[in-house]
């Protein structure tokens, strides 16, 4: 049984996961428009989506092992900093 706080955390995580899935799916629905905006072919855009999907499992393995070895806090902080840096560079 989950207490009230655990239920709230679960619901927040579930809704965040749902919105992330919606965001990723909306990109796939707009591949042609994204390609036109950035002057890239559909193949380039879909390759970017494919690489993203392939590297998600790699990141999960790497940061999962780091989380088991060093605790959850610092691998999470490093993951967020890495993600933010790549997003800014992109």
Protein backbone atom coordinates (compact mmCIF):
# COMPACT_ATOMS: atom_id res chain seq x y z
CA UNK A 1 0.00 0.00 0.00
CA UNK A 2 1.23 3.43 -0.88
CA UNK A 3 0.84 6.32 1.50
CA UNK A 4 -0.43 9.70 0.34
CA UNK A 5 3.01 11.13 -0.50
CA UNK A 6 4.08 8.02 -2.40
CA UNK A 7 0.85 8.09 -4.39
CA UNK A 8 1.44 11.74 -5.28
CA UNK A 9 5.02 10.98 -6.41
CA UNK A 10 3.78 8.05 -8.47
CA UNK A 11 1.14 10.18 -10.19
CA UNK A 12 3.59 12.98 -10.94
CA UNK A 13 6.06 10.50 -12.44
CA UNK A 14 3.30 8.83 -14.45
CA UNK A 15 2.06 12.13 -15.88
CA UNK A 16 5.62 13.25 -16.67
CA UNK A 17 6.25 9.96 -18.48
CA UNK A 18 2.95 10.34 -20.37
CA UNK A 19 3.78 13.89 -21.46
CA UNK A 20 7.26 12.79 -22.55
CA UNK A 21 5.74 10.04 -24.68
CA UNK A 22 3.25 12.52 -26.15
CA UNK A 23 6.08 14.95 -26.94
CA UNK A 24 8.16 12.26 -28.63
CA UNK A 25 5.16 10.99 -30.61
CA UNK A 26 4.25 14.51 -31.75
CA UNK A 27 7.75 14.84 -33.24
CA UNK A 28 7.16 11.71 -35.33
CA UNK A 29 3.89 13.16 -36.61
CA UNK A 30 5.65 16.31 -37.83
CA UNK A 31 8.73 14.88 -39.52
CA UNK A 32 8.07 16.57 -42.86
CA UNK A 33 7.49 20.00 -41.32
CA UNK A 34 10.59 19.64 -39.13
CA UNK A 35 12.64 18.71 -42.18
CA UNK A 36 11.40 21.76 -44.06
CA UNK A 37 12.13 24.04 -41.12
CA UNK A 38 15.73 22.85 -40.76
CA UNK A 39 16.32 22.19 -44.48
CA UNK A 40 16.96 18.49 -43.87
CA UNK A 41 15.55 15.42 -45.56
CA UNK A 42 13.03 13.14 -43.92
CA UNK A 43 15.78 10.50 -43.74
CA UNK A 44 17.95 12.79 -41.62
CA UNK A 45 15.09 13.53 -39.23
CA UNK A 46 14.10 9.88 -38.87
CA UNK A 47 17.76 8.93 -38.35
CA UNK A 48 17.85 11.40 -35.45
CA UNK A 49 14.78 9.76 -33.95
CA UNK A 50 16.33 6.31 -34.40
CA UNK A 51 19.58 7.35 -32.70
CA UNK A 52 17.59 8.83 -29.83
CA UNK A 53 15.71 5.57 -29.32
CA UNK A 54 18.91 3.50 -29.52
CA UNK A 55 20.79 5.67 -27.02
CA UNK A 56 17.98 5.69 -24.45
CA UNK A 57 18.76 2.11 -23.52
CA UNK A 58 22.50 2.83 -23.40
CA UNK A 59 21.90 5.75 -21.04
CA UNK A 60 19.57 3.66 -18.90
CA UNK A 61 22.22 0.96 -18.53
CA UNK A 62 25.10 3.37 -17.84
CA UNK A 63 23.25 5.55 -15.35
CA UNK A 64 21.49 2.54 -13.81
CA UNK A 65 24.83 0.90 -13.06
CA UNK A 66 26.20 4.22 -11.77
CA UNK A 67 23.12 4.62 -9.58
CA UNK A 68 23.57 1.16 -8.10
CA UNK A 69 27.26 1.76 -7.48
CA UNK A 70 27.30 5.40 -6.27
CA UNK A 71 23.75 6.01 -5.06
CA UNK A 72 20.94 7.72 -6.92
CA UNK A 73 21.65 11.41 -6.26
CA UNK A 74 24.94 12.12 -8.07
CA UNK A 75 24.32 10.03 -11.19
CA UNK A 76 20.98 11.83 -11.46
CA UNK A 77 22.64 15.24 -11.09
CA UNK A 78 25.28 14.33 -13.69
CA UNK A 79 22.58 13.00 -16.02
CA UNK A 80 20.55 16.24 -15.77
CA UNK A 81 23.67 18.40 -16.27
CA UNK A 82 24.68 16.30 -19.29
CA UNK A 83 21.18 16.51 -20.75
CA UNK A 84 20.94 20.27 -20.18
CA UNK A 85 24.35 20.85 -21.78
CA UNK A 86 23.45 18.82 -24.87
CA UNK A 87 20.10 20.58 -25.15
CA UNK A 88 21.74 24.01 -24.98
CA UNK A 89 24.37 22.98 -27.54
CA UNK A 90 21.69 21.67 -29.85
